[in-house]
Amino acid sequence: MVIALVGNKSDSATLATYKRKVTLNDAKKFAEENNLIFVGESSAQTNVNVNEVFDALYESKFCDNHYLF
């Protein structure tokens, strides 16, 4: 089984009311410790890193490696 860890709503970082619950470094560390693919943050609204998530999952499943961005 291949699992990716992706932070969502990266576009919300520009909103004045937005407060990050988990730092990017903490998320990356968690992913590494749990052998998860880490792609960073994404936004469906602005189409940031959406394709990269699926590309990383595909490569991990069919190319037998973990692709870290």
C-alpha atoms as a PDB file:
ATOM      1  CA  MET A   1       0.000   0.000   0.000  1.00  0.00           C
ATOM      2  CA  VAL A   2       1.249   3.449  -0.880  1.00  0.00           C
ATOM      3  CA  ILE A   3       0.254   6.420   1.265  1.00  0.00           C
ATOM      4  CA  ALA A   4       1.006  10.076   0.634  1.00  0.00           C
ATOM      5  CA  LEU A   5       0.901  12.847   3.201  1.00  0.00           C
ATOM      6  CA  VAL A   6      -0.229  16.149   1.706  1.00  0.00           C
ATOM      7  CA  GLY A   7      -1.195  19.370   3.422  1.00  0.00           C
ATOM      8  CA  ASN A   8      -4.248  20.893   1.808  1.00  0.00           C
ATOM      9  CA  LYS A   9      -5.566  24.404   1.390  1.00  0.00           C
ATOM     10  CA  SER A  10      -2.131  25.945   0.865  1.00  0.00           C
ATOM     11  CA  ASP A  11      -3.949  28.865  -0.729  1.00  0.00           C
ATOM     12  CA  SER A  12      -5.419  29.687   2.708  1.00  0.00           C
ATOM     13  CA  ALA A  13      -1.989  30.762   3.934  1.00  0.00           C
ATOM     14  CA  THR A  14      -2.653  34.199   2.508  1.00  0.00           C
ATOM     15  CA  LEU A  15      -5.840  34.684   4.509  1.00  0.00           C
ATOM     16  CA  ALA A  16      -5.559  36.845   7.612  1.00  0.00           C
ATOM     17  CA  THR A  17      -7.610  34.382   9.674  1.00  0.00           C
ATOM     18  CA  TYR A  18      -5.551  31.334   8.698  1.00  0.00           C
ATOM     19  CA  LYS A  19      -3.442  29.741  11.401  1.00  0.00           C
ATOM     20  CA  ARG A  20      -1.243  26.770  10.555  1.00  0.00           C
ATOM     21  CA  LYS A  21      -1.851  23.745  12.809  1.00  0.00           C
ATOM     22  CA  VAL A  22       1.178  21.687  11.678  1.00  0.00           C
ATOM     23  CA  THR A  23       4.461  23.092  10.407  1.00  0.00           C
ATOM     24  CA  LEU A  24       5.818  21.933   7.081  1.00  0.00           C
ATOM     25  CA  ASN A  25       8.932  20.573   8.807  1.00  0.00           C
ATOM     26  CA  ASP A  26       6.846  18.589  11.317  1.00  0.00           C
ATOM     27  CA  ALA A  27       4.786  17.092   8.491  1.00  0.00           C
ATOM     28  CA  LYS A  28       7.901  16.145   6.540  1.00  0.00           C
ATOM     29  CA  LYS A  29       9.473  14.555   9.617  1.00  0.00           C
ATOM     30  CA  PHE A  30       6.276  12.592  10.336  1.00  0.00           C
ATOM     31  CA  ALA A  31       6.164  11.347   6.739  1.00  0.00           C
ATOM     32  CA  GLU A  32       9.789  10.228   6.856  1.00  0.00           C
ATOM     33  CA  GLU A  33       9.341   8.463  10.201  1.00  0.00           C
ATOM     34  CA  ASN A  34       6.273   6.609   8.911  1.00  0.00           C
ATOM     35  CA  ASN A  35       7.576   5.784   5.425  1.00  0.00           C
ATOM     36  CA  LEU A  36       4.999   7.972   3.693  1.00  0.00           C
ATOM     37  CA  ILE A  37       5.390   9.869   0.461  1.00  0.00           C
ATOM     38  CA  PHE A  38       5.620  13.562   1.254  1.00  0.00           C
ATOM     39  CA  VAL A  39       4.576  16.036  -1.402  1.00  0.00           C
ATOM     40  CA  GLY A  40       4.222  19.141   0.731  1.00  0.00           C
ATOM     41  CA  GLU A  41       1.182  21.347   0.441  1.00  0.00           C
ATOM     42  CA  SER A  42      -1.473  21.466  -2.225  1.00  0.00           C
ATOM     43  CA  SER A  43      -4.440  23.524  -3.256  1.00  0.00           C
ATOM     44  CA  ALA A  44      -7.251  22.265  -5.438  1.00  0.00           C
ATOM     45  CA  GLN A  45      -8.481  25.834  -5.774  1.00  0.00           C
ATOM     46  CA  THR A  46      -5.221  27.151  -7.283  1.00  0.00           C
ATOM     47  CA  ASN A  47      -4.090  23.777  -8.706  1.00  0.00           C
ATOM     48  CA  VAL A  48      -0.804  23.800  -6.768  1.00  0.00           C
ATOM     49  CA  ASN A  49       0.868  20.375  -6.365  1.00  0.00           C
ATOM     50  CA  VAL A  50      -2.314  18.486  -7.294  1.00  0.00           C
ATOM     51  CA  ASN A  51      -0.738  16.672 -10.255  1.00  0.00           C
ATOM     52  CA  GLU A  52       2.470  16.157  -8.275  1.00  0.00           C
ATOM     53  CA  VAL A  53       0.582  14.152  -5.649  1.00  0.00           C
ATOM     54  CA  PHE A  54      -0.739  11.728  -8.244  1.00  0.00           C
ATOM     55  CA  ASP A  55       2.616  11.591 -10.039  1.00  0.00           C
ATOM     56  CA  ALA A  56       4.378  10.698  -6.782  1.00  0.00           C
ATOM     57  CA  LEU A  57       1.835   7.982  -5.996  1.00  0.00           C
ATOM     58  CA  TYR A  58       2.138   6.530  -9.486  1.00  0.00           C
ATOM     59  CA  GLU A  59       5.930   6.534  -9.402  1.00  0.00           C
ATOM     60  CA  SER A  60       6.009   4.946  -5.972  1.00  0.00           C
ATOM     61  CA  LYS A  61       3.570   2.207  -6.970  1.00  0.00           C
ATOM     62  CA  PHE A  62       4.906   1.422 -10.430  1.00  0.00           C
ATOM     63  CA  CYS A  63       8.549   2.497 -10.215  1.00  0.00           C
ATOM     64  CA  ASP A  64       9.124   1.103  -6.701  1.00  0.00           C
ATOM     65  CA  ASN A  65      10.596   4.226  -5.136  1.00  0.00           C
ATOM     66  CA  HIS A  66       9.459   7.008  -2.836  1.00  0.00           C
ATOM     67  CA  TYR A  67       9.482  10.311  -4.599  1.00  0.00           C
ATOM     68  CA  LEU A  68       9.998  13.221  -2.228  1.00  0.00           C
ATOM     69  CA  PHE A  69       9.439  16.767  -3.435  1.00  0.00           C
END
